[in-house]
Amino acid sequence: MNNIITATFNDYTYARTTSLWQYDYGQMLQIEGIALPATFEVHFSDQDQEGESLIQIGAVQDKAAQVQIPDSFLRKAAGGNYSIYAFIYLTDTESGETKYKITIPVRARPKPNTDLVDAPEEKKFFREAIEEVNNAADRAEKASQEAKDSVEEVSEKSEQAKKEIDDYVKEKHESLKGDTGNVFFAAFKVVKGRLKMYSDPTIDKVNFKRIGSRLKYRLKV
């Protein structure tokens, strides 16, 4: 699940993100285009100029600056669309200064009916059940892809093995063929129950021929 929206600064002190839906939760704000310290303050408010703001601490990890958007501002009882405002506030030992402002649009929608899962324990179980179903679906998809990859790998190895056999047979056929173009090995003869090998051309020989990718033989008198 993608729970990150991005605010990109392009030579200005103001930025605007894509919108969120009312009643979303666990949303992260990622800040790009400006250099920020390892930790920094972000003051969130549902009002542009008046009222109070909620302080959140952001952090930079792997060159990405992120801070969590307070869930309370996404549960605001509003009569329509509204915005959340985030003020990036940089401090040192002697001073603090508001440096940047971010506007996060929120699209209003009907409030979820939680009557059937109103107790905290039931809500937790309900959401854990949804997450487990999604995880099971992800695992099934991953297993299916791994099985498909394995079949393709076996097929590729079979084709490679067949090619290697063909190449080997061709190599032997070229290196061992005689004057007639057929393949001849040393002569063999059974003497007193033992199979002996000779180089005498007058003795029966074993003649090999390649047919397709198969090497066949016969006795040549």
N, C-alpha and C. Protein backbone atom coordinates (compact mmCIF):
# COMPACT_ATOMS: atom_id res chain seq x y z
N MET A 1 0.84 -1.19 0.00
CA MET A 1 0.00 0.00 0.00
C MET A 1 0.88 1.24 0.00
N ASN A 2 0.56 2.20 -0.89
CA ASN A 2 1.33 3.44 -0.98
C ASN A 2 0.67 4.49 -0.10
N ASN A 3 1.31 4.79 1.05
CA ASN A 3 0.74 5.76 1.98
C ASN A 3 1.59 7.02 2.06
N ILE A 4 2.29 7.35 0.96
CA ILE A 4 3.19 8.51 0.95
C ILE A 4 2.72 9.50 -0.11
N ILE A 5 2.57 10.77 0.29
CA ILE A 5 2.33 11.84 -0.67
C ILE A 5 3.56 12.74 -0.65
N THR A 6 3.85 13.38 -1.76
CA THR A 6 5.11 14.12 -1.90
C THR A 6 4.86 15.60 -2.13
N ALA A 7 5.63 16.42 -1.43
CA ALA A 7 5.66 17.87 -1.65
C ALA A 7 7.01 18.22 -2.24
N THR A 8 7.00 18.75 -3.45
CA THR A 8 8.25 19.08 -4.15
C THR A 8 8.40 20.60 -4.25
N PHE A 9 9.52 21.11 -3.77
CA PHE A 9 9.80 22.54 -3.83
C PHE A 9 10.67 22.83 -5.05
N ASN A 10 10.23 23.80 -5.86
CA ASN A 10 10.97 24.22 -7.05
C ASN A 10 11.28 25.71 -6.94
N ASP A 11 12.33 26.03 -6.18
CA ASP A 11 12.79 27.42 -6.03
C ASP A 11 11.76 28.32 -5.36
N TYR A 12 10.80 27.74 -4.66
CA TYR A 12 9.81 28.54 -3.93
C TYR A 12 9.74 28.03 -2.49
N THR A 13 9.13 28.84 -1.63
CA THR A 13 8.97 28.42 -0.23
C THR A 13 7.59 27.79 0.01
N TYR A 14 6.80 27.64 -1.06
CA TYR A 14 5.48 27.04 -0.96
C TYR A 14 5.41 25.81 -1.87
N ALA A 15 4.68 24.81 -1.43
CA ALA A 15 4.47 23.61 -2.24
C ALA A 15 3.08 23.05 -1.97
N ARG A 16 2.56 22.31 -2.94
CA ARG A 16 1.22 21.72 -2.83
C ARG A 16 1.31 20.25 -3.22
N THR A 17 0.68 19.39 -2.46
CA THR A 17 0.69 17.96 -2.74
C THR A 17 -0.56 17.55 -3.49
N THR A 18 -0.59 16.29 -3.88
CA THR A 18 -1.84 15.71 -4.37
C THR A 18 -2.77 15.54 -3.17
N SER A 19 -4.03 15.27 -3.43
CA SER A 19 -5.01 15.24 -2.36
C SER A 19 -5.09 13.90 -1.64
N LEU A 20 -5.57 13.96 -0.41
CA LEU A 20 -5.88 12.77 0.38
C LEU A 20 -7.39 12.71 0.57
N TRP A 21 -7.87 11.51 0.91
CA TRP A 21 -9.28 11.38 1.26
C TRP A 21 -9.47 11.60 2.77
N GLN A 22 -10.55 12.22 3.11
CA GLN A 22 -10.92 12.32 4.51
C GLN A 22 -11.08 10.92 5.09
N TYR A 23 -10.67 10.72 6.35
CA TYR A 23 -10.70 9.45 7.08
C TYR A 23 -9.60 8.47 6.67
N ASP A 24 -8.65 8.90 5.79
CA ASP A 24 -7.43 8.11 5.63
C ASP A 24 -6.66 8.17 6.95
N TYR A 25 -5.72 7.26 7.12
CA TYR A 25 -4.86 7.33 8.31
C TYR A 25 -3.52 6.69 8.01
N GLY A 26 -2.52 6.99 8.86
CA GLY A 26 -1.19 6.44 8.65
C GLY A 26 -0.49 7.01 7.43
N GLN A 27 -0.83 8.23 7.04
CA GLN A 27 -0.27 8.84 5.84
C GLN A 27 1.05 9.56 6.15
N MET A 28 2.00 9.46 5.22
CA MET A 28 3.32 10.08 5.37
C MET A 28 3.48 11.19 4.34
N LEU A 29 4.12 12.28 4.77
CA LEU A 29 4.45 13.39 3.88
C LEU A 29 5.94 13.34 3.57
N GLN A 30 6.28 13.21 2.29
CA GLN A 30 7.69 13.22 1.86
C GLN A 30 8.01 14.56 1.24
N ILE A 31 9.15 15.13 1.62
CA ILE A 31 9.53 16.48 1.20
C ILE A 31 10.75 16.39 0.31
N GLU A 32 10.66 16.98 -0.89
CA GLU A 32 11.74 16.93 -1.86
C GLU A 32 12.06 18.33 -2.38
N GLY A 33 13.29 18.51 -2.85
CA GLY A 33 13.70 19.76 -3.48
C GLY A 33 14.37 20.75 -2.55
N ILE A 34 14.45 20.45 -1.24
CA ILE A 34 15.11 21.33 -0.28
C ILE A 34 16.00 20.50 0.64
N ALA A 35 17.04 21.13 1.16
CA ALA A 35 17.95 20.45 2.10
C ALA A 35 17.44 20.66 3.52
N LEU A 36 17.29 19.56 4.25
CA LEU A 36 16.80 19.62 5.62
C LEU A 36 17.76 18.89 6.54
N PRO A 37 17.81 19.29 7.83
CA PRO A 37 18.68 18.58 8.78
C PRO A 37 18.17 17.18 9.05
N ALA A 38 18.95 16.39 9.78
CA ALA A 38 18.60 15.00 10.04
C ALA A 38 17.24 14.88 10.72
N THR A 39 16.92 15.80 11.63
CA THR A 39 15.59 15.88 12.23
C THR A 39 15.10 17.31 12.15
N PHE A 40 13.81 17.49 12.03
CA PHE A 40 13.24 18.83 11.88
C PHE A 40 11.80 18.83 12.36
N GLU A 41 11.27 20.03 12.65
CA GLU A 41 9.90 20.17 13.10
C GLU A 41 8.99 20.50 11.93
N VAL A 42 7.77 19.93 11.97
CA VAL A 42 6.71 20.31 11.04
C VAL A 42 5.47 20.59 11.87
N HIS A 43 4.91 21.79 11.70
CA HIS A 43 3.73 22.21 12.45
C HIS A 43 2.50 22.05 11.56
N PHE A 44 1.57 21.18 11.96
CA PHE A 44 0.37 20.90 11.18
C PHE A 44 -0.83 21.65 11.74
N SER A 45 -1.66 22.13 10.83
CA SER A 45 -2.89 22.81 11.24
C SER A 45 -3.94 22.63 10.16
N ASP A 46 -5.22 22.72 10.55
CA ASP A 46 -6.29 22.70 9.57
C ASP A 46 -6.76 24.11 9.23
N GLN A 47 -6.01 25.10 9.72
CA GLN A 47 -6.30 26.49 9.40
C GLN A 47 -5.06 27.15 8.83
N ASP A 48 -5.27 28.05 7.90
CA ASP A 48 -4.16 28.67 7.19
C ASP A 48 -3.42 29.68 8.06
N GLN A 49 -4.16 30.47 8.86
CA GLN A 49 -3.53 31.58 9.59
C GLN A 49 -3.87 31.62 11.06
N GLU A 50 -4.98 31.07 11.48
CA GLU A 50 -5.40 31.20 12.87
C GLU A 50 -5.34 29.86 13.59
N GLY A 51 -5.70 29.88 14.87
CA GLY A 51 -5.76 28.66 15.66
C GLY A 51 -4.38 28.17 16.09
N GLU A 52 -4.31 26.88 16.42
CA GLU A 52 -3.08 26.28 16.90
C GLU A 52 -2.61 25.21 15.91
N SER A 53 -1.35 24.83 16.08
CA SER A 53 -0.78 23.79 15.22
C SER A 53 -0.22 22.65 16.07
N LEU A 54 -0.18 21.47 15.48
CA LEU A 54 0.34 20.28 16.16
C LEU A 54 1.75 20.01 15.66
N ILE A 55 2.70 19.87 16.58
CA ILE A 55 4.10 19.69 16.22
C ILE A 55 4.40 18.21 15.99
N GLN A 56 4.96 17.90 14.83
CA GLN A 56 5.44 16.57 14.51
C GLN A 56 6.94 16.65 14.18
N ILE A 57 7.69 15.60 14.51
CA ILE A 57 9.12 15.57 14.23
C ILE A 57 9.36 14.72 12.98
N GLY A 58 10.00 15.35 11.98
CA GLY A 58 10.35 14.64 10.77
C GLY A 58 11.80 14.20 10.80
N ALA A 59 12.17 13.32 9.89
CA ALA A 59 13.54 12.80 9.84
C ALA A 59 13.95 12.55 8.40
N VAL A 60 15.26 12.61 8.17
CA VAL A 60 15.83 12.32 6.86
C VAL A 60 16.53 10.97 6.94
N GLN A 61 16.07 10.02 6.11
CA GLN A 61 16.67 8.69 6.05
C GLN A 61 16.85 8.31 4.59
N ASP A 62 18.07 7.87 4.25
CA ASP A 62 18.38 7.51 2.86
C ASP A 62 18.04 8.65 1.91
N LYS A 63 18.38 9.87 2.34
CA LYS A 63 18.19 11.09 1.55
C LYS A 63 16.73 11.45 1.33
N ALA A 64 15.80 10.80 2.05
CA ALA A 64 14.37 11.10 1.93
C ALA A 64 13.88 11.70 3.23
N ALA A 65 13.29 12.91 3.15
CA ALA A 65 12.76 13.59 4.33
C ALA A 65 11.27 13.26 4.45
N GLN A 66 10.89 12.69 5.59
CA GLN A 66 9.50 12.29 5.78
C GLN A 66 9.00 12.66 7.16
N VAL A 67 7.69 12.89 7.25
CA VAL A 67 7.04 13.16 8.53
C VAL A 67 5.62 12.61 8.44
N GLN A 68 5.09 12.11 9.55
CA GLN A 68 3.74 11.55 9.54
C GLN A 68 2.71 12.66 9.67
N ILE A 69 1.66 12.56 8.86
CA ILE A 69 0.55 13.50 8.93
C ILE A 69 -0.37 13.07 10.07
N PRO A 70 -0.69 13.95 11.01
CA PRO A 70 -1.55 13.56 12.14
C PRO A 70 -2.91 13.04 11.67
N ASP A 71 -3.31 11.87 12.16
CA ASP A 71 -4.60 11.29 11.76
C ASP A 71 -5.76 12.19 12.13
N SER A 72 -5.62 12.96 13.23
CA SER A 72 -6.73 13.77 13.72
C SER A 72 -7.19 14.79 12.68
N PHE A 73 -6.26 15.29 11.86
CA PHE A 73 -6.64 16.28 10.85
C PHE A 73 -7.37 15.65 9.66
N LEU A 74 -7.25 14.35 9.52
CA LEU A 74 -7.97 13.65 8.46
C LEU A 74 -9.33 13.16 8.92
N ARG A 75 -9.61 13.32 10.22
CA ARG A 75 -10.93 12.95 10.77
C ARG A 75 -11.77 14.18 11.09
N LYS A 76 -11.35 15.32 10.58
CA LYS A 76 -12.06 16.57 10.86
C LYS A 76 -13.49 16.51 10.33
N ALA A 77 -14.44 16.97 11.15
CA ALA A 77 -15.83 17.03 10.72
C ALA A 77 -16.02 18.29 9.89
N ALA A 78 -15.93 18.13 8.59
CA ALA A 78 -16.02 19.27 7.68
C ALA A 78 -17.24 19.12 6.79
N GLY A 79 -17.77 20.26 6.35
CA GLY A 79 -18.94 20.23 5.50
C GLY A 79 -18.59 20.05 4.03
N GLY A 80 -17.32 19.92 3.71
CA GLY A 80 -16.89 19.77 2.33
C GLY A 80 -15.39 19.57 2.28
N ASN A 81 -14.81 19.77 1.12
CA ASN A 81 -13.37 19.65 0.99
C ASN A 81 -12.66 20.71 1.83
N TYR A 82 -11.46 20.36 2.30
CA TYR A 82 -10.68 21.31 3.09
C TYR A 82 -9.20 21.02 2.89
N SER A 83 -8.34 21.75 3.57
CA SER A 83 -6.89 21.57 3.42
C SER A 83 -6.21 21.46 4.77
N ILE A 84 -5.10 20.73 4.76
CA ILE A 84 -4.20 20.67 5.92
C ILE A 84 -2.96 21.48 5.54
N TYR A 85 -2.46 22.24 6.50
CA TYR A 85 -1.28 23.08 6.24
C TYR A 85 -0.12 22.59 7.09
N ALA A 86 1.03 22.46 6.47
CA ALA A 86 2.23 21.98 7.17
C ALA A 86 3.32 23.05 7.04
N PHE A 87 3.80 23.51 8.18
CA PHE A 87 4.83 24.54 8.20
C PHE A 87 6.14 23.91 8.68
N ILE A 88 7.17 23.96 7.84
CA ILE A 88 8.48 23.40 8.21
C ILE A 88 9.23 24.45 9.02
N TYR A 89 9.56 24.05 10.24
CA TYR A 89 10.12 24.99 11.23
C TYR A 89 11.53 24.52 11.61
N LEU A 90 12.53 25.32 11.25
CA LEU A 90 13.93 24.95 11.52
C LEU A 90 14.46 25.73 12.70
N THR A 91 15.17 25.01 13.57
CA THR A 91 15.67 25.63 14.81
C THR A 91 17.15 25.32 15.01
N ASP A 92 17.78 26.14 15.83
CA ASP A 92 19.11 25.85 16.35
C ASP A 92 19.12 26.23 17.82
N THR A 93 20.28 26.32 18.44
CA THR A 93 20.34 26.60 19.88
C THR A 93 19.91 28.01 20.22
N GLU A 94 19.84 28.88 19.22
CA GLU A 94 19.55 30.28 19.50
C GLU A 94 18.27 30.80 18.87
N SER A 95 17.75 30.10 17.85
CA SER A 95 16.58 30.66 17.17
C SER A 95 15.77 29.58 16.48
N GLY A 96 14.54 29.95 16.06
CA GLY A 96 13.68 29.08 15.28
C GLY A 96 13.00 29.90 14.20
N GLU A 97 12.77 29.29 13.05
CA GLU A 97 12.24 30.06 11.93
C GLU A 97 11.38 29.17 11.04
N THR A 98 10.19 29.67 10.67
CA THR A 98 9.34 28.99 9.69
C THR A 98 9.92 29.24 8.30
N LYS A 99 10.33 28.18 7.62
CA LYS A 99 11.02 28.32 6.35
C LYS A 99 10.15 27.96 5.14
N TYR A 100 9.26 26.98 5.31
CA TYR A 100 8.50 26.51 4.16
C TYR A 100 7.07 26.19 4.57
N LYS A 101 6.17 26.25 3.60
CA LYS A 101 4.76 25.95 3.85
C LYS A 101 4.26 24.96 2.79
N ILE A 102 3.49 23.97 3.24
CA ILE A 102 2.95 22.94 2.35
C ILE A 102 1.44 22.89 2.52
N THR A 103 0.72 22.84 1.42
CA THR A 103 -0.74 22.69 1.46
C THR A 103 -1.10 21.28 1.00
N ILE A 104 -1.91 20.59 1.83
CA ILE A 104 -2.35 19.23 1.53
C ILE A 104 -3.87 19.24 1.37
N PRO A 105 -4.39 19.15 0.15
CA PRO A 105 -5.86 19.13 -0.04
C PRO A 105 -6.46 17.83 0.49
N VAL A 106 -7.64 17.95 1.08
CA VAL A 106 -8.37 16.78 1.59
C VAL A 106 -9.75 16.77 0.96
N ARG A 107 -10.10 15.64 0.34
CA ARG A 107 -11.41 15.49 -0.29
C ARG A 107 -12.39 14.88 0.73
N ALA A 108 -13.47 15.58 0.96
CA ALA A 108 -14.45 15.11 1.95
C ALA A 108 -15.23 13.92 1.41
N ARG A 109 -15.66 13.07 2.34
CA ARG A 109 -16.51 11.94 1.98
C ARG A 109 -17.36 11.57 3.18
N PRO A 110 -18.37 10.72 3.01
CA PRO A 110 -19.21 10.34 4.16
C PRO A 110 -18.38 9.63 5.24
N LYS A 111 -18.75 9.86 6.45
CA LYS A 111 -18.05 9.25 7.58
C LYS A 111 -18.31 7.75 7.60
N PRO A 112 -17.26 6.93 7.79
CA PRO A 112 -17.46 5.47 7.85
C PRO A 112 -18.35 5.09 9.03
N ASN A 113 -19.25 4.13 8.82
CA ASN A 113 -20.12 3.63 9.88
C ASN A 113 -19.39 2.54 10.63
N THR A 114 -19.02 2.81 11.85
CA THR A 114 -18.25 1.83 12.65
C THR A 114 -19.10 1.17 13.72
N ASP A 115 -20.41 1.21 13.55
CA ASP A 115 -21.28 0.62 14.58
C ASP A 115 -21.01 -0.86 14.78
N LEU A 116 -20.70 -1.58 13.68
CA LEU A 116 -20.49 -3.02 13.79
C LEU A 116 -19.10 -3.36 14.31
N VAL A 117 -18.17 -2.45 14.20
CA VAL A 117 -16.81 -2.68 14.68
C VAL A 117 -16.36 -1.46 15.49
N ASP A 118 -17.18 -1.12 16.49
CA ASP A 118 -16.94 0.13 17.21
C ASP A 118 -15.93 -0.03 18.33
N ALA A 119 -15.88 -1.22 18.97
CA ALA A 119 -14.94 -1.41 20.07
C ALA A 119 -13.52 -1.45 19.54
N PRO A 120 -12.55 -0.91 20.27
CA PRO A 120 -11.15 -0.91 19.80
C PRO A 120 -10.64 -2.30 19.45
N GLU A 121 -11.01 -3.32 20.27
CA GLU A 121 -10.54 -4.67 19.99
C GLU A 121 -11.13 -5.19 18.68
N GLU A 122 -12.41 -4.87 18.43
CA GLU A 122 -13.06 -5.34 17.21
C GLU A 122 -12.48 -4.63 15.99
N LYS A 123 -12.21 -3.33 16.13
CA LYS A 123 -11.60 -2.59 15.02
C LYS A 123 -10.24 -3.18 14.67
N LYS A 124 -9.45 -3.48 15.72
CA LYS A 124 -8.13 -4.03 15.48
C LYS A 124 -8.23 -5.38 14.78
N PHE A 125 -9.15 -6.23 15.26
CA PHE A 125 -9.33 -7.55 14.64
C PHE A 125 -9.79 -7.41 13.19
N PHE A 126 -10.72 -6.47 12.94
CA PHE A 126 -11.25 -6.24 11.61
C PHE A 126 -10.14 -5.85 10.64
N ARG A 127 -9.29 -4.92 11.04
CA ARG A 127 -8.21 -4.45 10.17
C ARG A 127 -7.12 -5.50 10.01
N GLU A 128 -6.85 -6.27 11.09
CA GLU A 128 -5.86 -7.34 10.98
C GLU A 128 -6.34 -8.42 10.02
N ALA A 129 -7.64 -8.69 10.03
CA ALA A 129 -8.19 -9.69 9.12
C ALA A 129 -8.04 -9.25 7.67
N ILE A 130 -8.30 -7.96 7.41
CA ILE A 130 -8.13 -7.43 6.05
C ILE A 130 -6.68 -7.53 5.62
N GLU A 131 -5.77 -7.17 6.53
CA GLU A 131 -4.35 -7.22 6.20
C GLU A 131 -3.89 -8.65 5.92
N GLU A 132 -4.39 -9.62 6.70
CA GLU A 132 -3.99 -11.02 6.52
C GLU A 132 -4.48 -11.55 5.18
N VAL A 133 -5.71 -11.17 4.78
CA VAL A 133 -6.23 -11.59 3.47
C VAL A 133 -5.38 -11.02 2.35
N ASN A 134 -5.02 -9.74 2.48
CA ASN A 134 -4.17 -9.12 1.45
C ASN A 134 -2.80 -9.77 1.39
N ASN A 135 -2.23 -10.09 2.56
CA ASN A 135 -0.92 -10.76 2.59
C ASN A 135 -0.99 -12.14 1.97
N ALA A 136 -2.08 -12.86 2.24
CA ALA A 136 -2.23 -14.20 1.66
C ALA A 136 -2.34 -14.12 0.14
N ALA A 137 -3.04 -13.11 -0.35
CA ALA A 137 -3.15 -12.93 -1.80
C ALA A 137 -1.79 -12.62 -2.41
N ASP A 138 -1.01 -11.79 -1.71
CA ASP A 138 0.34 -11.46 -2.20
C ASP A 138 1.22 -12.70 -2.25
N ARG A 139 1.12 -13.55 -1.19
CA ARG A 139 1.94 -14.76 -1.15
C ARG A 139 1.54 -15.72 -2.28
N ALA A 140 0.25 -15.83 -2.54
CA ALA A 140 -0.22 -16.71 -3.61
C ALA A 140 0.28 -16.23 -4.96
N GLU A 141 0.23 -14.92 -5.18
CA GLU A 141 0.71 -14.37 -6.45
C GLU A 141 2.20 -14.59 -6.61
N LYS A 142 2.95 -14.42 -5.51
CA LYS A 142 4.39 -14.63 -5.55
C LYS A 142 4.72 -16.09 -5.85
N ALA A 143 4.00 -17.03 -5.20
CA ALA A 143 4.25 -18.45 -5.42
C ALA A 143 3.94 -18.83 -6.87
N SER A 144 2.87 -18.25 -7.43
CA SER A 144 2.52 -18.53 -8.82
C SER A 144 3.61 -18.06 -9.77
N GLN A 145 4.15 -16.88 -9.50
CA GLN A 145 5.21 -16.34 -10.35
C GLN A 145 6.48 -17.17 -10.24
N GLU A 146 6.81 -17.62 -9.01
CA GLU A 146 8.00 -18.45 -8.81
C GLU A 146 7.86 -19.78 -9.56
N ALA A 147 6.65 -20.37 -9.53
CA ALA A 147 6.43 -21.62 -10.25
C ALA A 147 6.59 -21.42 -11.75
N LYS A 148 6.07 -20.32 -12.25
CA LYS A 148 6.21 -20.01 -13.68
C LYS A 148 7.67 -19.83 -14.06
N ASP A 149 8.42 -19.11 -13.20
CA ASP A 149 9.85 -18.91 -13.46
C ASP A 149 10.60 -20.23 -13.47
N SER A 150 10.23 -21.16 -12.55
CA SER A 150 10.91 -22.46 -12.47
C SER A 150 10.67 -23.26 -13.74
N VAL A 151 9.43 -23.25 -14.27
CA VAL A 151 9.13 -23.98 -15.50
C VAL A 151 9.95 -23.43 -16.65
N GLU A 152 10.03 -22.10 -16.74
CA GLU A 152 10.81 -21.49 -17.81
C GLU A 152 12.28 -21.83 -17.69
N GLU A 153 12.79 -21.88 -16.44
CA GLU A 153 14.20 -22.20 -16.23
C GLU A 153 14.50 -23.64 -16.64
N VAL A 154 13.60 -24.60 -16.28
CA VAL A 154 13.81 -26.00 -16.66
C VAL A 154 13.78 -26.15 -18.18
N SER A 155 12.85 -25.44 -18.82
CA SER A 155 12.76 -25.50 -20.28
C SER A 155 14.04 -24.99 -20.93
N GLU A 156 14.56 -23.88 -20.41
CA GLU A 156 15.80 -23.33 -20.95
C GLU A 156 16.97 -24.29 -20.76
N LYS A 157 17.04 -24.94 -19.58
CA LYS A 157 18.14 -25.88 -19.32
C LYS A 157 18.03 -27.11 -20.23
N SER A 158 16.79 -27.57 -20.51
CA SER A 158 16.61 -28.73 -21.40
C SER A 158 17.09 -28.40 -22.80
N GLU A 159 16.72 -27.22 -23.28
CA GLU A 159 17.16 -26.80 -24.60
C GLU A 159 18.69 -26.69 -24.67
N GLN A 160 19.29 -26.17 -23.60
CA GLN A 160 20.75 -26.03 -23.57
C GLN A 160 21.43 -27.40 -23.56
N ALA A 161 20.87 -28.34 -22.77
CA ALA A 161 21.46 -29.69 -22.70
C ALA A 161 21.37 -30.38 -24.06
N LYS A 162 20.23 -30.23 -24.75
CA LYS A 162 20.08 -30.83 -26.08
C LYS A 162 21.11 -30.24 -27.05
N LYS A 163 21.31 -28.94 -26.98
CA LYS A 163 22.28 -28.29 -27.86
C LYS A 163 23.69 -28.80 -27.59
N GLU A 164 24.04 -28.96 -26.30
CA GLU A 164 25.37 -29.45 -25.95
C GLU A 164 25.59 -30.88 -26.46
N ILE A 165 24.55 -31.72 -26.38
CA ILE A 165 24.67 -33.11 -26.89
C ILE A 165 24.88 -33.09 -28.40
N ASP A 166 24.08 -32.26 -29.09
CA ASP A 166 24.23 -32.17 -30.54
C ASP A 166 25.62 -31.70 -30.93
N ASP A 167 26.11 -30.69 -30.21
CA ASP A 167 27.45 -30.17 -30.52
C ASP A 167 28.52 -31.23 -30.28
N TYR A 168 28.35 -32.00 -29.20
CA TYR A 168 29.33 -33.05 -28.89
C TYR A 168 29.34 -34.12 -29.99
N VAL A 169 28.14 -34.56 -30.42
CA VAL A 169 28.06 -35.59 -31.46
C VAL A 169 28.69 -35.09 -32.75
N LYS A 170 28.38 -33.83 -33.11
CA LYS A 170 28.96 -33.28 -34.33
C LYS A 170 30.48 -33.22 -34.25
N GLU A 171 30.98 -32.81 -33.09
CA GLU A 171 32.43 -32.72 -32.91
C GLU A 171 33.09 -34.08 -33.08
N LYS A 172 32.50 -35.12 -32.42
CA LYS A 172 33.08 -36.45 -32.53
C LYS A 172 32.96 -37.00 -33.95
N HIS A 173 31.86 -36.69 -34.60
CA HIS A 173 31.67 -37.18 -35.95
C HIS A 173 32.74 -36.62 -36.89
N GLU A 174 33.06 -35.37 -36.75
CA GLU A 174 34.06 -34.73 -37.59
C GLU A 174 35.47 -35.23 -37.30
N SER A 175 35.76 -35.43 -36.00
CA SER A 175 37.13 -35.79 -35.63
C SER A 175 37.43 -37.27 -35.82
N LEU A 176 36.38 -38.13 -35.89
CA LEU A 176 36.62 -39.57 -35.95
C LEU A 176 36.25 -40.22 -37.29
N LYS A 177 35.66 -39.47 -38.21
CA LYS A 177 35.23 -40.12 -39.45
C LYS A 177 36.43 -40.54 -40.29
N GLY A 178 36.27 -41.66 -40.96
CA GLY A 178 37.36 -42.21 -41.78
C GLY A 178 37.30 -41.70 -43.20
N ASP A 179 37.98 -42.45 -44.10
CA ASP A 179 38.05 -42.03 -45.49
C ASP A 179 36.69 -42.03 -46.15
N THR A 180 35.81 -42.89 -45.71
CA THR A 180 34.48 -42.99 -46.34
C THR A 180 33.51 -41.97 -45.78
N GLY A 181 33.92 -41.26 -44.75
CA GLY A 181 33.03 -40.28 -44.14
C GLY A 181 32.26 -40.81 -42.96
N ASN A 182 32.26 -42.15 -42.76
CA ASN A 182 31.60 -42.72 -41.60
C ASN A 182 32.59 -42.80 -40.44
N VAL A 183 32.05 -43.03 -39.27
CA VAL A 183 32.88 -43.04 -38.07
C VAL A 183 33.29 -44.46 -37.74
N PHE A 184 34.60 -44.71 -37.60
CA PHE A 184 35.12 -46.03 -37.25
C PHE A 184 35.98 -45.94 -36.01
N PHE A 185 35.74 -46.82 -35.07
CA PHE A 185 36.60 -46.96 -33.92
C PHE A 185 37.50 -48.19 -34.13
N ALA A 186 38.26 -48.55 -33.14
CA ALA A 186 39.13 -49.73 -33.23
C ALA A 186 38.30 -50.99 -33.43
N ALA A 187 38.97 -52.05 -33.94
CA ALA A 187 38.27 -53.31 -34.18
C ALA A 187 38.09 -54.09 -32.89
N PHE A 188 37.00 -54.85 -32.79
CA PHE A 188 36.71 -55.66 -31.62
C PHE A 188 36.53 -57.11 -32.05
N LYS A 189 36.95 -58.07 -31.16
CA LYS A 189 36.76 -59.48 -31.44
C LYS A 189 36.65 -60.24 -30.14
N VAL A 190 35.74 -61.20 -30.10
CA VAL A 190 35.58 -62.04 -28.91
C VAL A 190 36.54 -63.20 -29.01
N VAL A 191 37.44 -63.34 -28.04
CA VAL A 191 38.44 -64.41 -28.00
C VAL A 191 38.33 -65.12 -26.66
N LYS A 192 37.88 -66.40 -26.70
CA LYS A 192 37.74 -67.22 -25.49
C LYS A 192 36.91 -66.50 -24.42
N GLY A 193 35.75 -65.96 -24.84
CA GLY A 193 34.83 -65.35 -23.89
C GLY A 193 35.22 -63.94 -23.48
N ARG A 194 36.27 -63.34 -24.06
CA ARG A 194 36.68 -61.99 -23.72
C ARG A 194 36.58 -61.10 -24.95
N LEU A 195 36.16 -59.86 -24.71
CA LEU A 195 36.08 -58.89 -25.80
C LEU A 195 37.39 -58.15 -25.88
N LYS A 196 38.08 -58.28 -27.03
CA LYS A 196 39.38 -57.64 -27.19
C LYS A 196 39.31 -56.61 -28.31
N MET A 197 40.17 -55.59 -28.18
CA MET A 197 40.20 -54.51 -29.14
C MET A 197 41.50 -54.60 -29.94
N TYR A 198 41.39 -54.44 -31.28
CA TYR A 198 42.54 -54.55 -32.17
C TYR A 198 42.60 -53.33 -33.09
N SER A 199 43.73 -53.17 -33.69
CA SER A 199 43.86 -52.16 -34.73
C SER A 199 43.99 -52.81 -36.10
N ASP A 200 43.76 -54.10 -36.14
CA ASP A 200 43.86 -54.87 -37.37
C ASP A 200 42.62 -54.61 -38.23
N PRO A 201 42.75 -54.01 -39.42
CA PRO A 201 41.58 -53.68 -40.24
C PRO A 201 40.87 -54.90 -40.79
N THR A 202 41.47 -56.11 -40.67
CA THR A 202 40.82 -57.32 -41.19
C THR A 202 39.78 -57.86 -40.21
N ILE A 203 39.78 -57.33 -38.97
CA ILE A 203 38.85 -57.80 -37.96
C ILE A 203 37.60 -56.91 -37.99
N ASP A 204 36.45 -57.51 -37.63
CA ASP A 204 35.19 -56.74 -37.64
C ASP A 204 35.35 -55.44 -36.87
N LYS A 205 34.73 -54.38 -37.38
CA LYS A 205 34.78 -53.07 -36.72
C LYS A 205 33.38 -52.63 -36.31
N VAL A 206 33.35 -51.67 -35.38
CA VAL A 206 32.09 -51.04 -34.98
C VAL A 206 31.97 -49.74 -35.73
N ASN A 207 30.92 -49.60 -36.53
CA ASN A 207 30.71 -48.41 -37.35
C ASN A 207 29.63 -47.54 -36.71
N PHE A 208 29.96 -46.25 -36.46
CA PHE A 208 29.01 -45.32 -35.84
C PHE A 208 28.52 -44.33 -36.89
N LYS A 209 27.23 -44.05 -36.86
CA LYS A 209 26.65 -43.03 -37.73
C LYS A 209 25.75 -42.11 -36.91
N ARG A 210 25.76 -40.83 -37.26
CA ARG A 210 24.90 -39.86 -36.56
C ARG A 210 23.62 -39.68 -37.36
N ILE A 211 22.49 -39.92 -36.73
CA ILE A 211 21.19 -39.70 -37.34
C ILE A 211 20.45 -38.69 -36.46
N GLY A 212 20.30 -37.47 -36.98
CA GLY A 212 19.72 -36.41 -36.14
C GLY A 212 20.66 -36.10 -34.99
N SER A 213 20.14 -36.13 -33.77
CA SER A 213 20.98 -35.89 -32.60
C SER A 213 21.37 -37.19 -31.91
N ARG A 214 21.15 -38.35 -32.59
CA ARG A 214 21.47 -39.65 -31.98
C ARG A 214 22.67 -40.27 -32.71
N LEU A 215 23.53 -40.94 -31.95
CA LEU A 215 24.70 -41.64 -32.50
C LEU A 215 24.40 -43.13 -32.49
N LYS A 216 24.23 -43.74 -33.69
CA LYS A 216 23.91 -45.17 -33.77
C LYS A 216 25.10 -45.96 -34.30
N TYR A 217 25.13 -47.26 -34.05
CA TYR A 217 26.27 -48.07 -34.47
C TYR A 217 25.80 -49.41 -35.05
N ARG A 218 26.71 -50.04 -35.79
CA ARG A 218 26.48 -51.40 -36.28
C ARG A 218 27.86 -52.03 -36.53
N LEU A 219 27.89 -53.35 -36.60
CA LEU A 219 29.13 -54.06 -36.91
C LEU A 219 29.37 -54.03 -38.41
N LYS A 220 30.60 -53.68 -38.78
CA LYS A 220 30.94 -53.64 -40.19
C LYS A 220 31.98 -54.74 -40.46
N VAL A 221 31.65 -55.63 -41.38
CA VAL A 221 32.53 -56.77 -41.67
C VAL A 221 33.49 -56.38 -42.78
